[in-house]
Protein backbone atom coordinates (compact mmCIF):
# COMPACT_ATOMS: atom_id res chain seq x y z
CA MET A 1 -7.17 28.03 20.93
CA SER A 2 -5.12 26.20 18.21
CA SER A 3 -2.70 23.98 18.93
CA LEU A 4 0.02 24.80 15.97
CA PRO A 5 3.32 26.23 16.60
CA GLU A 6 3.26 30.57 17.82
CA ALA A 7 4.17 30.85 14.61
CA THR A 8 1.36 30.38 12.73
CA ARG A 9 -0.74 31.90 15.20
CA GLY A 10 -2.96 34.96 13.67
CA LEU A 11 -4.62 37.08 16.21
CA ILE A 12 -7.11 39.85 15.86
CA VAL A 13 -7.94 42.05 17.98
CA THR A 14 -10.00 44.97 18.51
CA VAL A 15 -8.55 47.82 20.75
CA GLY A 16 -9.95 50.65 22.77
CA ALA A 17 -8.46 52.88 25.24
CA GLN A 18 -7.48 50.10 27.46
CA ALA A 19 -4.94 47.43 26.24
CA GLU A 20 -4.74 45.13 29.84
CA GLN A 21 -7.04 42.56 28.14
CA VAL A 22 -5.19 42.87 25.00
CA ARG A 23 -1.78 42.33 26.62
CA PHE A 24 -3.05 39.31 28.43
CA THR A 25 -4.67 37.94 25.39
CA MET A 26 -1.20 37.97 23.34
CA ASP A 27 0.37 36.50 26.21
CA ARG A 28 -1.77 33.79 25.68
CA VAL A 29 -2.07 32.88 22.61
CA LYS A 30 1.66 34.28 21.67
CA PRO A 31 0.51 34.86 17.76
CA GLY A 32 2.99 35.13 15.18
CA TYR A 33 1.17 37.70 13.55
CA VAL A 34 -1.04 40.46 14.66
CA ALA A 35 -4.05 42.69 13.36
CA PHE A 36 -5.03 45.74 15.45
CA LEU A 37 -8.50 46.74 14.71
CA GLY A 38 -9.30 50.57 16.53
CA THR A 39 -10.73 53.57 15.87
CA GLU A 40 -8.68 57.04 14.81
CA THR A 41 -8.57 58.82 18.33
CA PRO A 42 -5.44 59.80 20.12
CA GLN A 43 -5.64 57.71 22.81
CA CYS A 44 -6.40 54.88 20.87
CA LYS A 45 -3.31 54.84 18.30
CA GLU A 46 -1.25 55.41 21.50
CA GLN A 47 -2.44 51.56 22.76
CA ILE A 48 -1.29 49.78 19.35
CA ASP A 49 1.64 51.40 19.02
CA ALA A 50 1.89 50.79 22.62
CA LEU A 51 1.35 47.04 22.05
CA VAL A 52 3.02 46.59 18.99
CA GLN A 53 6.08 46.96 20.72
CA TYR A 54 4.74 45.11 23.66
CA SER A 55 4.18 42.04 21.12
CA GLY A 56 8.15 41.88 20.29
CA ILE A 57 6.98 40.75 16.79
CA ALA A 58 8.55 41.96 13.79
CA ALA A 59 6.26 45.11 12.00
CA THR A 60 5.83 43.19 9.22
CA ARG A 61 4.08 40.45 10.70
CA THR A 62 1.69 43.52 12.23
CA LYS A 63 -1.27 45.13 10.57
CA VAL A 64 -3.22 47.97 11.89
CA TYR A 65 -6.70 48.64 10.79
CA LEU A 66 -7.99 52.62 11.64
CA VAL A 67 -11.71 54.03 11.64
CA PRO A 68 -13.93 57.08 12.51
CA ASP A 69 -14.83 56.97 16.31
CA GLU A 70 -18.29 56.50 15.38
CA PRO A 71 -20.91 54.16 15.14
CA GLY A 72 -22.18 54.12 11.81
CA ALA A 73 -18.41 53.19 10.93
CA VAL A 74 -19.70 49.48 12.24
CA GLY A 75 -19.32 48.50 8.60
CA GLN A 76 -16.04 49.57 7.85
CA LEU A 77 -14.39 47.31 10.92
CA ALA A 78 -15.77 44.59 9.07
CA ALA A 79 -14.50 45.20 6.59
CA HIS A 80 -11.20 45.57 7.56
CA CYS A 81 -11.90 42.53 9.59
CA LEU A 82 -12.25 40.33 6.93
CA GLU A 83 -9.64 42.04 4.79
CA ALA A 84 -7.30 41.16 7.97
CA VAL A 85 -8.45 37.28 8.14
CA HIS A 86 -7.46 37.64 4.33
CA TRP A 87 -4.12 39.23 5.26
CA LEU A 88 -3.29 36.29 7.70
CA ARG A 89 -4.76 33.60 5.43
CA ASP A 90 -3.24 34.13 2.07
CA THR A 91 -0.08 37.00 2.61
CA CYS A 92 0.79 35.04 5.81
CA GLY A 93 0.28 31.38 5.40
CA VAL A 94 -1.73 31.28 8.59
CA PRO A 95 -4.54 28.14 8.61
CA VAL A 96 -8.41 29.74 9.32
CA GLU A 97 -7.97 26.65 12.25
CA ALA A 98 -5.27 29.26 13.51
CA ILE A 99 -6.80 32.25 13.76
CA THR A 100 -8.23 34.20 16.75
CA ILE A 101 -10.30 36.99 17.19
CA ASP A 102 -10.78 38.86 20.54
CA ALA A 103 -13.29 41.06 20.31
CA THR A 104 -13.04 41.83 23.98
CA GLY A 105 -11.87 45.73 23.67
CA GLY A 106 -12.81 48.89 22.48
CA ARG A 107 -16.44 49.97 22.18
CA LYS A 108 -19.32 47.44 21.53
CA TRP A 109 -20.72 47.72 18.03
CA MET A 110 -16.61 47.07 17.12
CA SER A 111 -17.28 44.45 19.38
CA ALA A 112 -20.43 43.43 17.76
CA SER A 113 -18.59 43.66 13.57
CA ALA A 114 -15.86 41.80 14.76
CA ILE A 115 -17.96 38.83 16.13
CA MET A 116 -19.68 38.55 13.41
CA VAL A 117 -17.56 38.52 10.56
CA ALA A 118 -15.93 35.93 13.04
CA THR A 119 -19.57 33.92 12.64
CA HIS A 120 -19.86 34.20 8.79
CA LEU A 121 -16.08 33.25 8.23
CA GLY A 122 -15.82 30.70 11.06
CA VAL A 123 -12.87 31.61 12.77
CA GLU A 124 -12.32 30.58 16.06
CA LEU A 125 -13.86 33.52 18.84
CA ALA A 126 -11.84 34.42 22.09
CA TYR A 127 -12.64 36.99 25.33
CA VAL A 128 -11.41 37.79 28.22
CA ASP A 129 -13.38 37.69 31.13
CA VAL A 130 -12.30 40.07 33.93
CA ALA A 131 -13.71 41.79 37.25
CA PHE A 132 -13.31 45.18 37.30
CA VAL A 133 -11.77 47.18 40.73
CA ASN A 134 -12.26 51.00 40.80
CA GLY A 135 -13.38 50.85 37.30
CA ARG A 136 -10.05 49.11 36.03
CA PRO A 137 -9.62 45.67 35.46
CA ASP A 138 -8.21 43.77 37.73
CA PRO A 139 -5.20 41.49 35.85
CA GLY A 140 -5.36 39.01 38.97
CA SER A 141 -9.06 37.79 37.59
CA MET A 142 -8.77 37.86 33.63
CA GLN A 143 -9.15 34.74 31.85
CA LEU A 144 -9.55 34.01 27.78
CA VAL A 145 -12.26 31.76 27.66
CA GLY A 146 -12.83 30.22 24.16
CA LEU A 147 -15.82 30.51 22.47
CA GLY A 148 -15.27 28.81 19.37
CA ASN A 149 -17.89 29.90 16.82
CA VAL A 150 -21.73 30.98 17.31
CA TYR A 151 -23.17 28.63 14.63
CA ASP A 152 -20.99 25.76 15.57
CA ARG A 153 -23.97 25.76 18.81
CA LEU A 154 -26.68 26.51 17.23
CA ASN A 155 -27.58 23.08 16.66
CA PRO A 156 -25.03 20.40 17.50
CA PRO A 157 -27.96 18.06 17.86
CA ALA A 158 -29.08 18.33 14.38
CA TRP A 159 -26.05 17.08 13.07
CA ALA A 160 -25.80 14.41 15.58
CA ASP A 161 -29.22 13.56 14.15
CA ALA A 162 -28.13 13.86 10.46
CA VAL A 163 -24.84 11.46 10.86
CA GLN A 164 -26.82 9.20 12.81
CA HIS A 165 -29.73 8.10 9.92
CA TYR A 166 -26.01 7.93 7.33
CA ASN A 167 -24.61 5.32 9.73
CA ASN A 168 -27.26 3.67 10.52
CA TYR A 169 -27.80 3.09 6.38
CA GLU A 170 -31.08 5.81 6.25
CA TYR A 171 -29.10 7.71 3.57
CA ARG A 172 -31.92 9.60 1.94
CA ALA A 173 -33.20 10.91 5.05
CA ALA A 174 -29.91 11.61 6.03
CA ALA A 175 -29.46 13.38 2.85
CA GLU A 176 -32.86 15.48 3.99
CA ARG A 177 -31.27 16.75 7.34
CA PHE A 178 -27.76 17.54 5.90
CA ALA A 179 -29.68 20.14 3.50
CA ALA A 180 -31.62 21.33 5.88
CA LEU A 181 -28.55 22.19 8.11
CA ARG A 182 -26.40 24.77 4.91
CA SER A 183 -25.14 27.62 6.85
CA ARG A 184 -23.84 31.15 6.57
CA ASP A 185 -20.69 29.65 8.05
CA LEU A 186 -18.59 29.07 5.43
CA VAL A 187 -16.54 25.71 6.53
CA MET A 188 -20.07 24.58 8.34
CA ASP A 189 -22.13 25.06 4.75
CA SER A 190 -19.43 23.38 3.33
CA LEU A 191 -18.91 20.28 5.61
CA ALA A 192 -22.93 20.13 5.08
CA HIS A 193 -23.04 20.66 1.40
CA THR A 194 -20.15 17.17 1.12
CA LEU A 195 -22.25 15.40 3.51
CA LEU A 196 -25.22 15.71 1.56
CA GLU A 197 -23.42 14.53 -1.52
CA LEU A 198 -21.97 11.80 0.49
CA ALA A 199 -25.15 10.63 1.12
CA ASN A 200 -26.92 10.95 -2.12
CA PHE A 201 -24.01 9.02 -2.87
CA ALA A 202 -24.47 6.04 -0.86
CA ASP A 203 -28.44 6.38 -1.42
CA ARG A 204 -27.60 5.91 -5.21
CA PHE A 205 -25.35 3.30 -4.18
CA ASP A 206 -27.35 1.30 -2.17
CA ARG A 207 -29.92 0.71 -4.49
CA PHE A 208 -27.43 -0.08 -7.43
CA GLN A 209 -27.73 3.31 -9.34
CA ALA A 210 -24.33 4.47 -8.96
CA CYS A 211 -21.57 2.43 -11.02
CA GLY A 212 -19.68 2.53 -13.88
CA GLY A 213 -16.12 5.14 -14.58
CA GLU A 214 -17.70 8.07 -12.72
CA VAL A 215 -18.10 6.51 -9.68
CA GLN A 216 -14.58 6.73 -8.87
CA LEU A 217 -14.78 10.42 -9.87
CA GLU A 218 -17.54 11.78 -7.23
CA LEU A 219 -15.96 10.01 -4.69
CA GLU A 220 -13.08 11.71 -5.09
CA ARG A 221 -14.43 14.93 -5.16
CA ILE A 222 -16.26 14.23 -2.09
CA ALA A 223 -13.08 13.52 -0.65
CA ALA A 224 -11.85 16.22 -1.70
CA GLY A 225 -14.23 18.17 -0.26
CA LEU A 226 -13.97 16.25 3.44
CA ARG A 227 -10.02 17.50 3.78
CA GLN A 228 -11.18 21.19 2.90
CA VAL A 229 -12.98 20.75 5.75
CA GLY A 230 -10.45 19.31 7.60
CA ASP A 231 -7.78 21.78 7.00
CA SER A 232 -10.00 24.89 7.66
CA LYS A 233 -10.88 23.23 11.49
CA ALA A 234 -8.49 20.78 13.34
CA GLU A 235 -12.30 19.60 15.70
CA PHE A 236 -12.71 17.78 12.04
CA ARG A 237 -9.60 16.76 11.84
CA PRO A 238 -11.32 12.74 11.82
CA LEU A 239 -13.10 13.27 8.53
CA PHE A 240 -9.79 12.21 6.58
CA SER A 241 -9.60 9.20 7.26
CA LEU A 242 -13.25 9.31 5.66
CA ALA A 243 -11.96 10.70 3.14
CA GLU A 244 -9.40 8.09 2.51
CA GLU A 245 -12.04 5.08 2.89
CA LEU A 246 -14.26 6.55 0.35
CA GLU A 247 -11.08 7.05 -2.39
CA ARG A 248 -10.14 3.53 -1.12
CA LEU A 249 -13.91 2.43 -2.60
CA GLY A 250 -14.14 4.26 -5.61
CA ALA A 251 -10.58 2.75 -6.36
CA ASN A 252 -11.99 -0.54 -5.45
CA LEU A 253 -15.39 0.21 -7.39
CA SER A 254 -13.26 1.04 -10.62
CA SER A 255 -11.13 -2.20 -10.60
CA ILE A 256 -14.33 -4.07 -10.48
CA VAL A 257 -15.15 -3.26 -13.93
CA VAL A 258 -11.98 -4.68 -15.39
CA ASP A 259 -11.58 -8.09 -12.42
CA ARG A 260 -14.21 -10.36 -12.16
CA PRO A 261 -16.89 -8.23 -12.46
CA ASP A 262 -19.07 -11.22 -11.10
CA ARG A 263 -17.82 -11.59 -8.34
CA GLY A 264 -17.31 -7.73 -7.05
CA LEU A 265 -21.37 -7.96 -8.16
CA ALA A 266 -21.61 -10.52 -5.17
CA ALA A 267 -19.88 -8.89 -2.81
CA LEU A 268 -22.22 -5.62 -3.19
CA LEU A 269 -25.25 -7.89 -3.12
CA LEU A 270 -23.59 -9.17 0.24
CA LEU A 271 -23.27 -5.73 1.81
CA SER A 272 -26.39 -4.49 0.26
CA GLY A 273 -28.10 -7.27 1.71
CA ASP A 274 -26.52 -5.98 5.69
CA ARG A 275 -27.63 -2.58 5.24
CA HIS A 276 -31.34 -3.82 4.49
CA LEU A 277 -31.52 -5.93 7.15
CA ASP A 278 -30.09 -3.50 9.58
CA ARG A 279 -32.56 -1.30 8.94
CA GLY A 280 -35.23 -3.21 9.55
CA LEU A 281 -35.82 -4.49 5.57
CA PRO A 282 -35.32 -8.54 5.69
CA GLU A 283 -37.59 -8.67 2.43
CA ALA A 284 -35.38 -6.85 0.68
CA GLY A 285 -32.15 -8.65 2.31
CA VAL A 286 -33.30 -12.22 1.40
CA LEU A 287 -33.88 -10.61 -2.16
CA LEU A 288 -30.30 -9.52 -1.92
CA TYR A 289 -28.95 -13.11 -0.36
CA TYR A 290 -31.10 -15.16 -2.92
CA ARG A 291 -29.29 -13.33 -6.18
CA VAL A 292 -25.80 -14.06 -3.92
CA LEU A 293 -26.61 -18.16 -4.10
CA GLU A 294 -27.80 -17.73 -7.60
CA LEU A 295 -25.19 -15.65 -9.39
CA ALA A 296 -22.36 -17.97 -7.61
CA GLU A 297 -24.51 -20.50 -9.73
CA GLN A 298 -24.76 -18.81 -12.91
CA VAL A 299 -20.50 -17.91 -12.88
CA TRP A 300 -19.21 -21.12 -12.07
CA LEU A 301 -21.60 -23.07 -15.03
CA ARG A 302 -20.31 -20.43 -17.39
CA GLU A 303 -16.82 -20.54 -16.18
CA GLY A 304 -15.99 -24.38 -15.88
CA TRP A 305 -18.93 -25.29 -19.22
CA GLU A 306 -19.86 -22.39 -20.71
CA PHE A 307 -23.09 -23.47 -19.45
CA ASP A 308 -25.87 -20.22 -19.29
CA VAL A 309 -29.26 -21.94 -17.01
CA THR A 310 -31.45 -19.47 -18.43
CA ASN A 311 -30.79 -20.83 -21.99
CA PRO A 312 -29.59 -24.44 -21.10
CA ASP A 313 -27.41 -25.94 -24.01
CA TRP A 314 -26.77 -29.21 -22.70
CA GLY A 315 -24.05 -30.13 -25.20
CA LYS A 316 -22.09 -28.05 -23.55
CA LEU A 317 -22.18 -30.73 -20.64
CA PRO A 318 -20.74 -34.33 -20.79
CA GLN A 319 -23.58 -37.21 -21.38
CA GLU A 320 -23.18 -39.19 -18.04
CA VAL A 321 -23.68 -35.80 -15.99
CA VAL A 322 -26.67 -35.19 -18.34
CA GLU A 323 -28.03 -38.79 -18.26
CA ALA A 324 -28.01 -38.19 -14.59
CA PHE A 325 -29.55 -35.03 -14.05
CA ARG A 326 -32.22 -36.03 -16.38
CA GLU A 327 -32.92 -39.63 -14.39
CA ARG A 328 -32.98 -37.02 -11.18
CA TYR A 329 -35.28 -34.59 -12.94
CA PRO A 330 -37.18 -35.81 -15.86
CA GLY A 331 -38.57 -33.60 -18.24
CA ALA A 332 -36.38 -30.12 -17.11
CA GLU A 333 -35.68 -27.91 -19.23
CA GLN A 334 -34.52 -24.52 -17.38
CA VAL A 335 -32.66 -24.79 -14.34
CA SER A 336 -33.47 -24.38 -11.34
CA LEU A 337 -31.31 -22.94 -8.19
CA VAL A 338 -31.15 -25.87 -6.27
CA GLN A 339 -31.27 -27.94 -9.75
CA GLY A 340 -27.90 -25.53 -10.91
CA TYR A 341 -26.30 -26.25 -7.76
CA VAL A 342 -26.89 -30.13 -8.14
CA LEU A 343 -25.42 -29.75 -11.57
CA LEU A 344 -22.32 -28.48 -10.21
CA HIS A 345 -21.98 -31.35 -7.87
CA LEU A 346 -22.61 -33.70 -10.19
CA LEU A 347 -19.97 -31.91 -12.52
CA GLY A 348 -17.43 -32.27 -10.23
CA HIS A 349 -17.35 -28.53 -9.10
CA GLU A 350 -14.91 -27.97 -5.72
CA ALA A 351 -16.54 -24.87 -4.07
CA VAL A 352 -19.84 -27.25 -3.47
CA ALA A 353 -18.37 -29.73 -1.94
CA CYS A 354 -18.89 -28.60 1.52
CA LEU A 355 -22.27 -27.19 0.91
CA GLY A 356 -24.24 -29.70 0.53
CA HIS A 357 -25.03 -33.50 2.25
CA GLU A 358 -26.15 -37.34 0.77
CA HIS A 359 -29.75 -38.16 1.19
CA LYS A 360 -31.39 -41.25 0.14
CA GLY A 361 -28.77 -41.62 -2.14
CA GLN A 362 -28.93 -38.04 -3.30
CA TRP A 363 -26.90 -34.95 -2.85
CA ARG A 364 -28.60 -31.93 -1.84
CA PRO A 365 -28.11 -28.54 -0.62
CA ASP A 366 -27.44 -27.50 2.78
CA PHE A 367 -29.05 -24.71 1.89
CA GLU A 368 -32.36 -25.60 0.58
CA GLY A 369 -34.86 -25.26 3.46
CA ALA A 370 -33.36 -21.89 3.67
CA LEU A 371 -34.94 -21.11 0.84
CA GLU A 372 -38.48 -21.57 1.48
CA VAL A 373 -38.64 -18.00 3.36
CA ARG A 374 -38.02 -16.58 -0.55
CA ASN A 375 -40.24 -19.04 -2.09
CA LEU A 376 -43.10 -18.26 -0.14
CA MET A 377 -43.09 -14.60 0.50
CA VAL A 378 -45.63 -11.95 -0.59
CA TRP A 379 -42.95 -10.42 -3.30
CA GLU A 380 -42.34 -14.15 -4.78
CA HIS A 381 -45.23 -16.66 -4.48
CA GLY A 382 -47.03 -16.69 -0.77
CA PHE A 383 -48.22 -14.67 1.96
CA ARG A 384 -45.98 -15.95 4.81
CA PRO A 385 -43.88 -12.48 6.17
CA VAL A 386 -40.69 -12.32 6.75
CA THR A 387 -38.45 -12.82 10.04
CA SER A 388 -35.40 -11.08 10.29
CA GLU A 389 -34.91 -14.41 11.72
CA ALA A 390 -35.27 -16.27 8.86
CA ALA A 391 -33.66 -13.80 6.86
CA ARG A 392 -30.11 -14.24 8.61
CA LYS A 393 -30.38 -18.24 7.97
CA LEU A 394 -30.38 -16.88 4.31
CA ARG A 395 -27.58 -15.00 5.06
CA GLY A 396 -25.26 -17.25 6.42
CA TRP A 397 -25.09 -18.90 3.50
CA ALA A 398 -25.08 -16.52 1.07
CA VAL A 399 -21.83 -15.42 3.08
CA LYS A 400 -20.19 -18.70 2.55
CA ILE A 401 -21.14 -18.71 -0.61
CA ALA A 402 -20.37 -14.97 -1.32
CA GLU A 403 -16.68 -16.50 0.11
CA LYS A 404 -15.59 -18.41 -2.45
CA LEU A 405 -16.41 -17.04 -5.08
CA CYS A 406 -14.90 -13.96 -4.78
CA GLY A 407 -12.00 -15.47 -2.60
CA MET A 408 -11.98 -13.18 0.23
CA THR A 409 -13.55 -13.36 3.63
CA GLU A 410 -16.53 -11.24 4.60
CA GLU A 411 -14.64 -8.37 6.30
CA GLU A 412 -12.39 -8.22 3.51
CA MET A 413 -15.16 -7.92 1.75
CA GLN A 414 -16.46 -5.02 3.72
CA GLN A 415 -13.24 -3.43 3.62
CA ARG A 416 -12.98 -3.40 -0.45
CA TYR A 417 -16.75 -2.52 -1.42
CA GLY A 418 -18.85 -1.46 2.07
CA ILE A 419 -20.19 2.37 2.73
CA PRO A 420 -17.89 4.26 5.23
CA ALA A 421 -19.11 5.47 8.23
CA ILE A 422 -18.85 8.68 9.34
CA PRO A 423 -16.25 8.65 12.14
CA GLU A 424 -16.82 11.35 15.22
CA THR A 425 -16.55 14.58 15.63
CA SER A 426 -17.07 16.77 19.06
CA LEU A 427 -19.59 19.17 17.10
CA TRP A 428 -21.96 15.87 16.48
CA ALA A 429 -20.33 13.21 19.14
CA GLY A 430 -21.41 15.72 22.46
CA ALA A 431 -24.54 15.93 21.11
CA ALA A 432 -25.60 12.48 20.52
CA ALA A 433 -24.05 11.77 23.74
CA GLY A 434 -26.79 13.83 25.35
CA GLN A 435 -24.05 16.68 26.80
């Protein structure tokens, strides 16, 4: 049952010729508002009048809905049950998560109708389990059993599978699974739709296809959807933290455009490389890590000396540096990655001071050996397969250089620009644990 204060709880009950179970439910739920669903028979009206008096709740906080005592009235009762939910939510201000429908009493067709509405709207169901003695319910055996929502119980493993794919950075596979989880239950359908949007965004973002000012608006819209779901059901409250992380990511990505975009891009390249490596794609990780090293070299040369390695203007550099470079690399017109770092060393750039060593009178970058994995891979100049070990060796240098370029630690880059994971909720955590 809801853990919210009593005054904010709402109860909808079906009532028949006996009221013991309804009184038991009211004693346990302690609602601030009650809607009674019954038939137009004198016995049912009498029970409802007694229950209203027993509840001690003001008349303005109760509603009575009556239908003919015949199975054909099942549609009318469903309509009244829906009306009761709207009365509690919209007029009384009771959150959906604080509404309980107890369909124990009354005719079987009445219970079936109320259960159908509860399931459709995602409202919590309850049932009074009791033993009968001489045809009468035994008060000492009564138990109020929370049934949750039927749709919540249909496919927790499928939810767990979708969330696991997302948290393993397999965003496209996660999107396919969230799309298959669309439901008639309004809250669950909204959750599936919102997480589908999140997985589609993450897939585009991971491939550098989500950029520009619209990213912040998109993430804010997704965050609003998550908050709406969290407001509807208490078990989804952990999604509030995900909403906050997405809003923060949107703001940080927006600031990249105006605040040193090259440094933000380096962080995004590094984190994307990590995601590719973690999901078993070391080749893609190597190319992204290599691009981090390349970008840092280009930024430092451009900012310090307006020198473009793709179109070198040697007149922008000190003559003695140009002569030293050409003595080492005679005839070189274009500047390779290693040569660019050698050039930065000759220029005395402080960022590369601890990135290399002297070998036979010449400075060489320490990461030079780690580049072999990129140069000999099939996607570049060779046929050597890429191992995770070799990719992680290059990653180590990409992290060190990205930290120098961005002016923040690896952990800070993850906090600012990482795609947040979906937190655990009771719906998929139990299924993932095999419960």
